[in-house]
């Protein structure tokens, strides 16, 4: 009898204990590798190589790659980090492992040059939507080019994790790659004969402020209004949206009533009020998408952004400069090469407006920083579409900059850039750096020049090429004091050097 009682009382206890053990096993923190260390990854060659991940707090983890094996212990939060010695480029696949109580593994890992590719929609724009996409995709059997797309994420504070997976370039995968990044890599990889890894960390419709780390935004008193601007605008938008929806509902009801009565209805449809300003909180994308990738080893950064800052172009130069400096501090690799695309021509609602011209000017301002380069795209945009399809030439121009700045090639990498303007009678003589073998407009009249006198009123001007200089005059400006070139949203820009690279927009009246 007692035996029967023991049997019925012990079995539930054993079952409960077994359940607890199973639950404990299921919640145990397995050893994991960070988001950049998946199958098919490219890791940075010739630099100290940080590898990180997670495990149980206090767990000992051994990381192996090639002939290297380094141990460490996970901290109180479960995060671990090791630093591997620099390794040469490798096209033979390696295996990366992190071993503790469990083992995490990444296979088909190569060593080469890794580029962080960030910005808004023109960086995010896929190969499948680029010019000549079908042929480009069919020819993309380039397994030494790899791409990882970091999933969109916002965060109030620096996030510890991000999501993404490396893919090998092939006709089956390349359609989803960043077009600018891919066409850049296609120029670099065969010339350098090393694997190229592209970290696509971009999000369409985003302003520069949300990509800046908090310390950079706090570094300049002039940036103090950015947080206030976001707070005000984010509060106003729901109110305006509710007002619009109420007006639209009333208009729809009146339209239906008029139709039922057989009456003509002429009231215009309500329009929604668009409040210019940021759509994402400051630093939110840095925290959610960039911070989890640190401290990754890189060759450099590619950047294509600025269209969404049309409303505050006068601030862009200071913001962009501070962003570059902030990213470099966080990455801890000195003056890491930072290359960007200057905004292409686009009317932005007003071809003769200067909103985007001011952003371009701010982009050029950042060239005062060391190890930077700007690919001018003023001649290859689409006046009616903010997403020009010719991403091939954009990638090529970025690659020219990288070939000189990073890889030491000696070649023309820049179009003409303004040096000086001096008065010669009723004209201004303009001198340029990077004029190369001479200036050209490809046998067409030069476009988009303006002159102003001391009154600052700009009028259309005529420009004439004189070897590596220009003479610019306007019959309505007998005493010119200031000159502008392509300083509008959507100029017809056609000044080039002998290498076929376009002149950057400029003005002298700032």
Protein backbone atom coordinates (compact mmCIF):
# COMPACT_ATOMS: atom_id res chain seq x y z
CA UNK A 1 0.00 0.00 0.00
CA UNK A 2 2.79 2.41 0.89
CA UNK A 3 4.54 1.45 -2.31
CA UNK A 4 1.52 2.44 -4.32
CA UNK A 5 1.36 5.81 -2.58
CA UNK A 6 5.06 6.39 -3.24
CA UNK A 7 4.59 5.56 -6.90
CA UNK A 8 1.75 7.99 -7.40
CA UNK A 9 3.52 10.80 -5.52
CA UNK A 10 6.99 10.40 -7.02
CA UNK A 11 6.04 10.23 -10.69
CA UNK A 12 4.58 13.76 -10.85
CA UNK A 13 7.65 15.03 -9.05
CA UNK A 14 9.93 13.34 -11.56
CA UNK A 15 7.90 14.69 -14.43
CA UNK A 16 8.09 18.21 -13.00
CA UNK A 17 11.85 17.90 -12.52
CA UNK A 18 12.26 16.67 -16.09
CA UNK A 19 10.23 19.63 -17.36
CA UNK A 20 12.42 22.03 -15.39
CA UNK A 21 15.55 20.49 -16.88
CA UNK A 22 14.13 20.77 -20.38
CA UNK A 23 13.16 24.40 -19.81
CA UNK A 24 16.60 25.19 -18.40
CA UNK A 25 18.23 23.63 -21.45
CA UNK A 26 15.97 25.58 -23.78
CA UNK A 27 16.78 28.95 -22.20
CA UNK A 28 20.51 28.32 -21.93
CA UNK A 29 22.43 30.96 -23.90
CA UNK A 30 24.04 29.12 -26.79
CA UNK A 31 27.29 30.52 -28.11
CA UNK A 32 26.53 32.76 -31.09
CA UNK A 33 28.56 34.82 -33.55
CA UNK A 34 27.78 38.46 -34.26
CA UNK A 35 25.64 39.55 -37.25
CA UNK A 36 28.59 39.99 -39.61
CA UNK A 37 29.88 36.46 -39.08
CA UNK A 38 27.55 34.22 -41.07
CA UNK A 39 28.20 31.71 -43.84
CA UNK A 40 29.77 33.33 -46.96
CA UNK A 41 31.14 36.30 -44.99
CA UNK A 42 34.03 38.46 -46.13
CA UNK A 43 36.27 39.60 -43.28
CA UNK A 44 38.76 42.43 -43.52
CA UNK A 45 42.29 41.48 -44.59
CA UNK A 46 45.53 42.98 -43.24
CA UNK A 47 43.97 44.55 -40.13
CA UNK A 48 43.43 43.48 -36.54
CA UNK A 49 40.19 41.52 -36.81
CA UNK A 50 37.55 41.90 -34.06
CA UNK A 51 35.24 38.88 -33.75
CA UNK A 52 32.38 38.98 -31.27
CA UNK A 53 29.20 37.29 -30.20
CA UNK A 54 27.23 36.13 -27.18
CA UNK A 55 27.30 33.28 -24.68
CA UNK A 56 26.33 32.65 -21.08
CA UNK A 57 27.82 35.27 -18.73
CA UNK A 58 31.21 34.05 -17.58
CA UNK A 59 31.41 31.31 -20.21
CA UNK A 60 34.82 30.64 -21.75
CA UNK A 61 34.77 30.87 -25.55
CA UNK A 62 37.51 29.84 -27.99
CA UNK A 63 37.45 31.46 -31.45
CA UNK A 64 39.23 29.78 -34.37
CA UNK A 65 39.93 31.07 -37.88
CA UNK A 66 42.58 29.54 -40.10
CA UNK A 67 45.59 28.80 -37.91
CA UNK A 68 44.56 31.27 -35.20
CA UNK A 69 42.86 30.25 -31.98
CA UNK A 70 42.06 32.85 -29.28
CA UNK A 71 40.14 32.41 -26.02
CA UNK A 72 38.09 34.88 -24.00
CA UNK A 73 35.34 35.01 -21.37
CA UNK A 74 31.84 36.42 -21.87
CA UNK A 75 31.12 39.47 -19.72
CA UNK A 76 28.21 39.90 -17.30
CA UNK A 77 25.85 40.69 -20.18
CA UNK A 78 26.97 37.61 -22.12
CA UNK A 79 28.94 39.53 -24.74
CA UNK A 80 32.40 38.34 -25.75
CA UNK A 81 35.04 39.82 -28.07
CA UNK A 82 38.40 38.63 -29.37
CA UNK A 83 40.98 40.34 -31.55
CA UNK A 84 42.62 38.17 -34.18
CA UNK A 85 45.96 39.03 -35.71
CA UNK A 86 45.86 40.55 -39.23
CA UNK A 87 45.46 37.96 -41.97
CA UNK A 88 46.27 38.16 -45.67
CA UNK A 89 43.60 38.05 -48.36
CA UNK A 90 42.19 34.56 -48.85
CA UNK A 91 40.03 33.25 -51.67
CA UNK A 92 40.13 29.70 -50.30
CA UNK A 93 37.12 29.31 -47.99
CA UNK A 94 37.82 29.21 -44.26
CA UNK A 95 35.70 28.18 -41.30
CA UNK A 96 35.13 30.52 -38.36
CA UNK A 97 34.11 28.86 -35.09
CA UNK A 98 33.29 30.06 -31.60
CA UNK A 99 33.30 27.17 -29.13
CA UNK A 100 32.11 27.13 -25.54
CA UNK A 101 29.49 24.81 -24.08
CA UNK A 102 28.01 24.92 -27.58
CA UNK A 103 29.62 25.81 -30.90
CA UNK A 104 28.74 28.50 -33.45
CA UNK A 105 30.13 28.17 -36.93
CA UNK A 106 30.37 30.20 -40.17
CA UNK A 107 31.55 28.44 -43.32
CA UNK A 108 32.82 29.65 -46.71
CA UNK A 109 34.47 32.67 -45.07
CA UNK A 110 36.87 34.74 -47.19
CA UNK A 111 39.35 37.50 -46.35
CA UNK A 112 39.39 40.64 -48.47
CA UNK A 113 38.20 44.24 -48.45
CA UNK A 114 35.02 45.13 -46.60
CA UNK A 115 33.06 48.30 -47.35
CA UNK A 116 30.24 49.70 -45.22
CA UNK A 117 27.63 51.05 -47.67
CA UNK A 118 25.08 53.37 -46.09
CA UNK A 119 22.62 56.17 -46.75
CA UNK A 120 19.09 56.40 -48.05
CA UNK A 121 17.18 55.07 -51.05
CA UNK A 122 19.78 55.65 -53.76
CA UNK A 123 22.19 53.44 -51.81
CA UNK A 124 19.45 50.95 -51.01
CA UNK A 125 18.27 50.86 -54.66
CA UNK A 126 18.69 47.28 -55.93
CA UNK A 127 20.39 45.99 -59.05
CA UNK A 128 17.01 44.68 -60.22
CA UNK A 129 15.84 48.28 -60.70
CA UNK A 130 19.04 49.68 -62.24
CA UNK A 131 19.53 50.44 -65.93
CA UNK A 132 19.94 47.35 -68.12
CA UNK A 133 19.04 45.20 -65.12
CA UNK A 134 18.29 41.97 -66.97
CA UNK A 135 21.69 41.83 -68.67
CA UNK A 136 23.53 42.96 -65.54
CA UNK A 137 21.93 40.22 -63.46
CA UNK A 138 22.65 37.54 -66.05
CA UNK A 139 26.36 38.48 -66.07
CA UNK A 140 26.78 38.63 -62.29
CA UNK A 141 28.56 35.34 -61.71
CA UNK A 142 31.15 36.89 -59.39
CA UNK A 143 31.51 34.71 -56.28
CA UNK A 144 34.33 36.81 -54.81
CA UNK A 145 31.85 39.65 -54.31
CA UNK A 146 29.66 39.14 -51.24
CA UNK A 147 26.79 41.28 -49.88
CA UNK A 148 24.94 41.47 -46.57
CA UNK A 149 21.82 43.56 -46.10
CA UNK A 150 21.31 44.74 -42.53
CA UNK A 151 17.61 44.69 -41.68
CA UNK A 152 15.93 48.01 -40.91
CA UNK A 153 15.88 48.83 -37.21
CA UNK A 154 15.43 51.89 -35.02
CA UNK A 155 16.56 52.14 -31.41
CA UNK A 156 16.59 54.77 -28.67
CA UNK A 157 19.93 53.44 -27.41
CA UNK A 158 22.78 51.55 -29.04
CA UNK A 159 21.46 48.09 -29.89
CA UNK A 160 23.53 44.98 -29.25
CA UNK A 161 22.18 42.92 -32.14
CA UNK A 162 21.36 43.35 -35.83
CA UNK A 163 20.00 40.93 -38.41
CA UNK A 164 21.38 40.05 -41.81
CA UNK A 165 23.05 37.26 -43.78
CA UNK A 166 25.86 37.25 -46.32
CA UNK A 167 25.14 36.16 -49.88
CA UNK A 168 27.53 35.23 -52.67
CA UNK A 169 27.12 37.23 -55.87
CA UNK A 170 25.35 35.26 -58.58
CA UNK A 171 22.52 35.81 -61.07
CA UNK A 172 20.20 34.32 -58.44
CA UNK A 173 21.16 36.76 -55.68
CA UNK A 174 22.52 39.98 -57.17
CA UNK A 175 19.12 41.48 -58.00
CA UNK A 176 18.66 42.36 -54.32
CA UNK A 177 22.17 43.81 -53.86
CA UNK A 178 22.66 47.56 -53.52
CA UNK A 179 23.24 48.64 -57.13
CA UNK A 180 25.72 51.40 -56.30
CA UNK A 181 27.68 49.09 -54.00
CA UNK A 182 27.66 46.21 -56.48
CA UNK A 183 28.81 48.27 -59.46
CA UNK A 184 31.54 49.74 -57.23
CA UNK A 185 32.70 46.27 -56.21
CA UNK A 186 32.60 45.05 -59.80
CA UNK A 187 35.21 47.70 -60.65
CA UNK A 188 37.41 46.96 -57.63
CA UNK A 189 37.41 43.18 -57.24
CA UNK A 190 39.01 42.09 -60.54
CA UNK A 191 41.59 44.88 -60.39
CA UNK A 192 42.71 44.10 -56.85
CA UNK A 193 42.12 40.34 -57.15
CA UNK A 194 40.80 40.08 -53.60
CA UNK A 195 37.31 39.30 -52.29
CA UNK A 196 35.10 42.34 -51.71
CA UNK A 197 32.45 42.38 -48.99
CA UNK A 198 29.60 44.91 -49.05
CA UNK A 199 27.68 45.69 -45.85
CA UNK A 200 24.46 47.31 -47.06
CA UNK A 201 23.21 49.36 -44.14
CA UNK A 202 20.76 51.80 -45.77
CA UNK A 203 17.16 52.96 -45.45
CA UNK A 204 15.18 55.04 -47.94
CA UNK A 205 13.73 58.41 -46.97
CA UNK A 206 16.09 58.98 -44.05
CA UNK A 207 17.81 62.17 -42.93
CA UNK A 208 21.44 62.44 -41.93
CA UNK A 209 20.52 63.26 -38.32
CA UNK A 210 19.18 59.76 -37.68
CA UNK A 211 22.49 58.22 -38.87
CA UNK A 212 24.59 60.34 -36.48
CA UNK A 213 25.69 59.00 -33.13
CA UNK A 214 24.40 60.95 -30.09
CA UNK A 215 27.84 62.27 -29.15
CA UNK A 216 28.24 63.89 -32.57
CA UNK A 217 24.89 65.63 -32.26
CA UNK A 218 25.87 66.85 -28.79
CA UNK A 219 29.28 68.09 -29.96
CA UNK A 220 28.05 71.28 -31.62
CA UNK A 221 25.77 73.87 -29.97
CA UNK A 222 24.33 74.60 -33.41
CA UNK A 223 22.79 71.10 -33.39
CA UNK A 224 20.86 71.74 -30.17
CA UNK A 225 17.62 72.45 -32.03
CA UNK A 226 17.60 69.10 -33.86
CA UNK A 227 15.99 67.19 -31.00
CA UNK A 228 13.49 70.00 -30.42
CA UNK A 229 12.62 70.03 -34.12
CA UNK A 230 11.89 66.30 -34.05
CA UNK A 231 9.74 66.61 -30.90
CA UNK A 232 7.67 69.44 -32.38
CA UNK A 233 7.21 67.88 -35.81
CA UNK A 234 6.42 64.40 -34.51
CA UNK A 235 3.70 65.97 -32.34
CA UNK A 236 2.26 68.07 -35.18
CA UNK A 237 2.02 65.33 -37.80
CA UNK A 238 -0.68 63.18 -36.12
CA UNK A 239 -2.78 66.32 -35.59
CA UNK A 240 -2.49 67.35 -39.23
CA UNK A 241 -3.21 63.80 -40.37
CA UNK A 242 -6.36 63.65 -38.24
CA UNK A 243 -7.49 67.01 -39.63
CA UNK A 244 -6.95 65.77 -43.17
CA UNK A 245 -8.80 62.50 -42.59
CA UNK A 246 -11.75 64.40 -41.07
CA UNK A 247 -11.86 66.83 -44.01
CA UNK A 248 -11.58 63.95 -46.49
CA UNK A 249 -14.44 62.06 -44.83
CA UNK A 250 -16.65 65.16 -44.96
CA UNK A 251 -15.73 65.78 -48.60
CA UNK A 252 -16.46 62.15 -49.51
CA UNK A 253 -19.86 62.33 -47.80
CA UNK A 254 -20.74 65.57 -49.60
CA UNK A 255 -19.66 64.08 -52.93
CA UNK A 256 -21.84 61.00 -52.36
CA UNK A 257 -24.79 63.19 -51.36
CA UNK A 258 -24.48 65.35 -54.45
CA UNK A 259 -24.34 62.25 -56.65
CA UNK A 260 -27.45 60.81 -54.99
CA UNK A 261 -29.30 64.08 -55.61
CA UNK A 262 -28.10 64.22 -59.19
CA UNK A 263 -26.23 67.45 -58.53
CA UNK A 264 -22.90 68.56 -59.94
CA UNK A 265 -20.10 68.39 -57.36
CA UNK A 266 -17.26 70.87 -57.79
CA UNK A 267 -15.55 71.10 -54.40
CA UNK A 268 -11.84 70.24 -54.72
CA UNK A 269 -10.55 67.20 -52.85
CA UNK A 270 -8.75 68.16 -49.62
CA UNK A 271 -4.97 67.99 -49.70
CA UNK A 272 -2.89 66.67 -46.85
CA UNK A 273 -0.53 69.15 -45.22
CA UNK A 274 3.07 68.00 -45.53
CA UNK A 275 5.23 69.25 -42.69
CA UNK A 276 8.86 69.41 -43.84
CA UNK A 277 11.32 67.93 -41.43
CA UNK A 278 12.70 64.66 -40.11
CA UNK A 279 10.77 61.40 -40.32
CA UNK A 280 13.01 59.46 -37.91
CA UNK A 281 14.26 60.39 -34.42
CA UNK A 282 17.85 61.68 -34.24
CA UNK A 283 20.44 58.88 -33.87
CA UNK A 284 17.76 56.18 -34.16
CA UNK A 285 19.31 54.41 -37.16
CA UNK A 286 22.85 54.76 -35.87
CA UNK A 287 21.68 53.06 -32.69
CA UNK A 288 19.65 50.39 -34.45
CA UNK A 289 21.79 49.56 -37.50
CA UNK A 290 25.34 50.92 -37.17
CA UNK A 291 26.12 50.43 -33.47
CA UNK A 292 25.53 46.64 -33.58
CA UNK A 293 28.17 46.35 -36.31
CA UNK A 294 30.92 47.92 -34.23
CA UNK A 295 33.84 47.45 -33.93
CA UNK A 296 33.99 45.79 -37.37
CA UNK A 297 37.20 46.09 -39.38
CA UNK A 298 36.70 47.87 -42.71
CA UNK A 299 38.50 49.13 -45.79
CA UNK A 300 36.23 52.17 -45.95
CA UNK A 301 32.74 53.63 -46.13
CA UNK A 302 30.53 54.41 -49.13
CA UNK A 303 27.74 56.94 -48.52
CA UNK A 304 24.81 58.11 -50.69
CA UNK A 305 22.34 60.32 -48.83
CA UNK A 306 21.07 63.88 -48.67
CA UNK A 307 17.85 64.08 -50.66
CA UNK A 308 15.75 63.96 -47.48
CA UNK A 309 17.67 66.92 -46.04
CA UNK A 310 16.37 69.28 -48.75
CA UNK A 311 14.65 71.37 -46.07
CA UNK A 312 17.82 72.14 -44.07
CA UNK A 313 20.57 72.18 -46.68
CA UNK A 314 22.41 75.05 -45.01
CA UNK A 315 23.05 72.76 -42.02
CA UNK A 316 24.14 69.75 -44.04
CA UNK A 317 27.84 70.53 -44.30
CA UNK A 318 28.33 70.76 -40.55
CA UNK A 319 26.14 67.72 -39.92
CA UNK A 320 27.91 65.60 -42.52
CA UNK A 321 31.37 66.57 -41.29
CA UNK A 322 30.39 65.74 -37.71
CA UNK A 323 28.87 62.42 -38.80
CA UNK A 324 32.06 61.31 -40.57
CA UNK A 325 34.17 62.26 -37.57
CA UNK A 326 31.79 60.46 -35.21
CA UNK A 327 31.73 57.26 -37.24
CA UNK A 328 35.51 57.27 -37.41
CA UNK A 329 35.77 57.62 -33.64
CA UNK A 330 33.41 54.71 -33.09
CA UNK A 331 35.11 52.50 -35.67
CA UNK A 332 38.50 53.19 -34.11
CA UNK A 333 40.46 52.87 -37.37
CA UNK A 334 41.84 56.39 -37.66
CA UNK A 335 40.93 58.43 -40.72
CA UNK A 336 39.08 55.57 -42.37
CA UNK A 337 38.47 56.29 -46.09
CA UNK A 338 35.02 57.82 -46.54
CA UNK A 339 33.66 58.21 -50.08
CA UNK A 340 30.28 59.60 -51.06
CA UNK A 341 28.07 60.49 -53.98
CA UNK A 342 27.15 64.13 -54.43
CA UNK A 343 23.44 64.41 -55.19
CA UNK A 344 22.41 64.06 -58.83
CA UNK A 345 20.32 66.65 -60.66
CA UNK A 346 16.65 66.43 -59.67
CA UNK A 347 14.02 69.14 -59.82
CA UNK A 348 12.57 68.44 -56.38
CA UNK A 349 9.39 70.34 -57.27
CA UNK A 350 11.33 73.38 -58.48
CA UNK A 351 14.11 72.94 -61.08
CA UNK A 352 15.37 76.49 -60.47
CA UNK A 353 15.25 76.19 -56.67
CA UNK A 354 18.41 75.75 -54.63
CA UNK A 355 17.35 73.38 -51.83
CA UNK A 356 19.35 70.45 -53.20
CA UNK A 357 22.14 72.76 -54.39
CA UNK A 358 22.70 73.72 -50.76
CA UNK A 359 22.93 70.05 -49.77
CA UNK A 360 25.50 69.48 -52.54
CA UNK A 361 27.48 72.43 -51.25
CA UNK A 362 27.42 70.89 -47.78
CA UNK A 363 28.66 67.60 -49.18
CA UNK A 364 31.61 69.35 -50.82
CA UNK A 365 32.38 71.04 -47.50
CA UNK A 366 33.29 67.66 -45.99
CA UNK A 367 36.17 67.31 -48.46
CA UNK A 368 38.23 69.34 -45.98
CA UNK A 369 38.50 66.14 -43.92
CA UNK A 370 41.42 63.82 -44.73
CA UNK A 371 40.89 60.56 -46.63
CA UNK A 372 37.62 61.64 -48.21
CA UNK A 373 36.38 61.67 -51.79
CA UNK A 374 33.28 62.83 -53.63
CA UNK A 375 31.81 61.27 -56.78
CA UNK A 376 29.94 64.02 -58.63
CA UNK A 377 26.69 62.87 -60.25
CA UNK A 378 25.25 66.21 -61.36
CA UNK A 379 25.22 65.10 -65.01
CA UNK A 380 23.66 61.64 -64.74
CA UNK A 381 20.50 62.21 -62.74
CA UNK A 382 16.88 62.23 -63.80
CA UNK A 383 15.21 65.62 -63.48
CA UNK A 384 11.87 63.91 -62.87
CA UNK A 385 12.94 61.02 -60.64
CA UNK A 386 14.99 61.17 -57.46
CA UNK A 387 16.19 57.63 -58.24
CA UNK A 388 18.28 57.78 -61.43
CA UNK A 389 18.74 54.32 -62.92
CA UNK A 390 22.34 54.77 -64.08
CA UNK A 391 23.95 53.31 -60.99
CA UNK A 392 26.76 51.81 -63.10
CA UNK A 393 28.46 55.17 -63.62
CA UNK A 394 27.94 56.14 -59.99
CA UNK A 395 29.69 52.96 -58.90
CA UNK A 396 32.47 53.52 -61.42
CA UNK A 397 33.16 57.04 -60.18
CA UNK A 398 33.26 55.88 -56.57
CA UNK A 399 35.65 53.13 -57.61
CA UNK A 400 37.95 55.66 -59.29
CA UNK A 401 38.22 57.49 -55.98
CA UNK A 402 38.93 54.27 -54.09
CA UNK A 403 41.54 53.13 -56.59
CA UNK A 404 43.54 56.30 -55.93
CA UNK A 405 42.84 56.95 -52.24
CA UNK A 406 42.92 53.36 -50.97
CA UNK A 407 44.81 51.34 -53.56
CA UNK A 408 47.41 53.88 -54.72
CA UNK A 409 46.61 54.03 -58.44
CA UNK A 410 47.66 57.15 -60.34
CA UNK A 411 44.75 58.27 -62.52
CA UNK A 412 42.21 61.06 -62.97
CA UNK A 413 39.56 60.57 -60.29
CA UNK A 414 37.87 63.96 -60.12
CA UNK A 415 36.25 66.38 -62.49
CA UNK A 416 37.13 70.09 -62.44
CA UNK A 417 36.76 71.76 -59.05
CA UNK A 418 36.62 75.52 -58.59
CA UNK A 419 39.83 77.30 -57.58
CA UNK A 420 39.44 81.01 -58.24
CA UNK A 421 37.59 83.74 -60.12
CA UNK A 422 39.33 86.94 -61.24
CA UNK A 423 37.89 89.95 -63.02
CA UNK A 424 38.94 90.59 -66.63
CA UNK A 425 36.96 93.54 -67.93
CA UNK A 426 33.28 92.55 -68.26
CA UNK A 427 34.06 88.88 -67.59
CA UNK A 428 35.29 86.58 -64.85
CA UNK A 429 38.08 84.12 -65.52
CA UNK A 430 37.49 80.85 -63.68
CA UNK A 431 40.35 78.53 -62.80
CA UNK A 432 40.01 74.92 -61.75
CA UNK A 433 41.87 72.10 -60.10
CA UNK A 434 41.65 68.74 -61.86
CA UNK A 435 41.22 70.32 -65.28
CA UNK A 436 43.34 67.48 -66.63
CA UNK A 437 44.16 67.82 -70.32
CA UNK A 438 41.67 70.67 -70.63
CA UNK A 439 38.03 71.56 -70.22
CA UNK A 440 35.33 70.40 -72.57
CA UNK A 441 31.59 70.61 -73.13
CA UNK A 442 31.62 67.88 -75.78
CA UNK A 443 31.13 70.37 -78.64
CA UNK A 444 28.02 71.91 -77.06
CA UNK A 445 27.45 75.36 -75.53
CA UNK A 446 28.19 75.44 -71.82
CA UNK A 447 25.07 75.52 -69.65
CA UNK A 448 24.03 76.60 -66.16
CA UNK A 449 26.35 79.56 -65.56
CA UNK A 450 25.10 82.69 -63.81
CA UNK A 451 26.74 86.02 -62.96
CA UNK A 452 25.84 88.75 -60.51
CA UNK A 453 27.18 92.17 -59.77
CA UNK A 454 27.53 93.74 -56.37
CA UNK A 455 23.74 93.71 -56.06
CA UNK A 456 23.76 89.90 -55.85
CA UNK A 457 21.09 89.48 -58.55
CA UNK A 458 22.07 86.53 -60.71
CA UNK A 459 21.43 86.44 -64.44
CA UNK A 460 22.13 83.81 -67.10
CA UNK A 461 25.69 83.97 -68.39
CA UNK A 462 27.73 82.73 -71.33
CA UNK A 463 30.86 80.69 -70.65
CA UNK A 464 33.70 80.13 -73.09
CA UNK A 465 36.46 77.56 -72.69
CA UNK A 466 40.01 78.91 -72.85
CA UNK A 467 42.26 75.84 -72.44
CA UNK A 468 41.98 74.94 -68.76
CA UNK A 469 40.08 78.09 -67.74
CA UNK A 470 36.71 79.66 -68.50
CA UNK A 471 35.69 83.20 -69.38
CA UNK A 472 32.18 83.90 -68.14
CA UNK A 473 30.21 87.01 -69.08
CA UNK A 474 26.64 88.32 -69.19
CA UNK A 475 25.46 91.34 -71.14
CA UNK A 476 23.23 92.40 -68.24
CA UNK A 477 26.13 92.25 -65.76
CA UNK A 478 28.84 94.66 -66.97
CA UNK A 479 30.73 94.51 -63.66
CA UNK A 480 30.55 90.90 -62.50
CA UNK A 481 31.38 90.11 -58.90
CA UNK A 482 30.00 86.61 -58.34
CA UNK A 483 29.61 83.45 -60.39
CA UNK A 484 27.54 80.30 -60.00
CA UNK A 485 27.71 77.03 -61.90
CA UNK A 486 24.96 74.39 -61.75
CA UNK A 487 23.76 75.88 -58.48
CA UNK A 488 20.09 74.90 -58.81
CA UNK A 489 18.17 71.72 -58.07
CA UNK A 490 18.14 70.39 -61.64
CA UNK A 491 20.80 72.08 -63.77
CA UNK A 492 21.84 71.16 -67.28
CA UNK A 493 25.46 70.56 -66.31
CA UNK A 494 27.90 69.82 -69.13
CA UNK A 495 31.37 70.98 -68.07
CA UNK A 496 33.93 68.14 -68.01
CA UNK A 497 37.66 67.56 -68.01
CA UNK A 498 39.54 65.46 -70.53
CA UNK A 499 38.89 62.31 -68.50
CA UNK A 500 35.15 62.76 -69.00
CA UNK A 501 34.46 63.58 -65.34
CA UNK A 502 31.98 66.37 -64.54
CA UNK A 503 32.75 69.62 -62.78
CA UNK A 504 31.26 69.97 -59.33
CA UNK A 505 28.66 72.73 -58.83
CA UNK A 506 29.98 75.85 -57.13
CA UNK A 507 29.24 79.46 -56.24
CA UNK A 508 31.38 82.37 -55.07
CA UNK A 509 28.68 84.39 -53.30
CA UNK A 510 28.47 82.35 -50.11
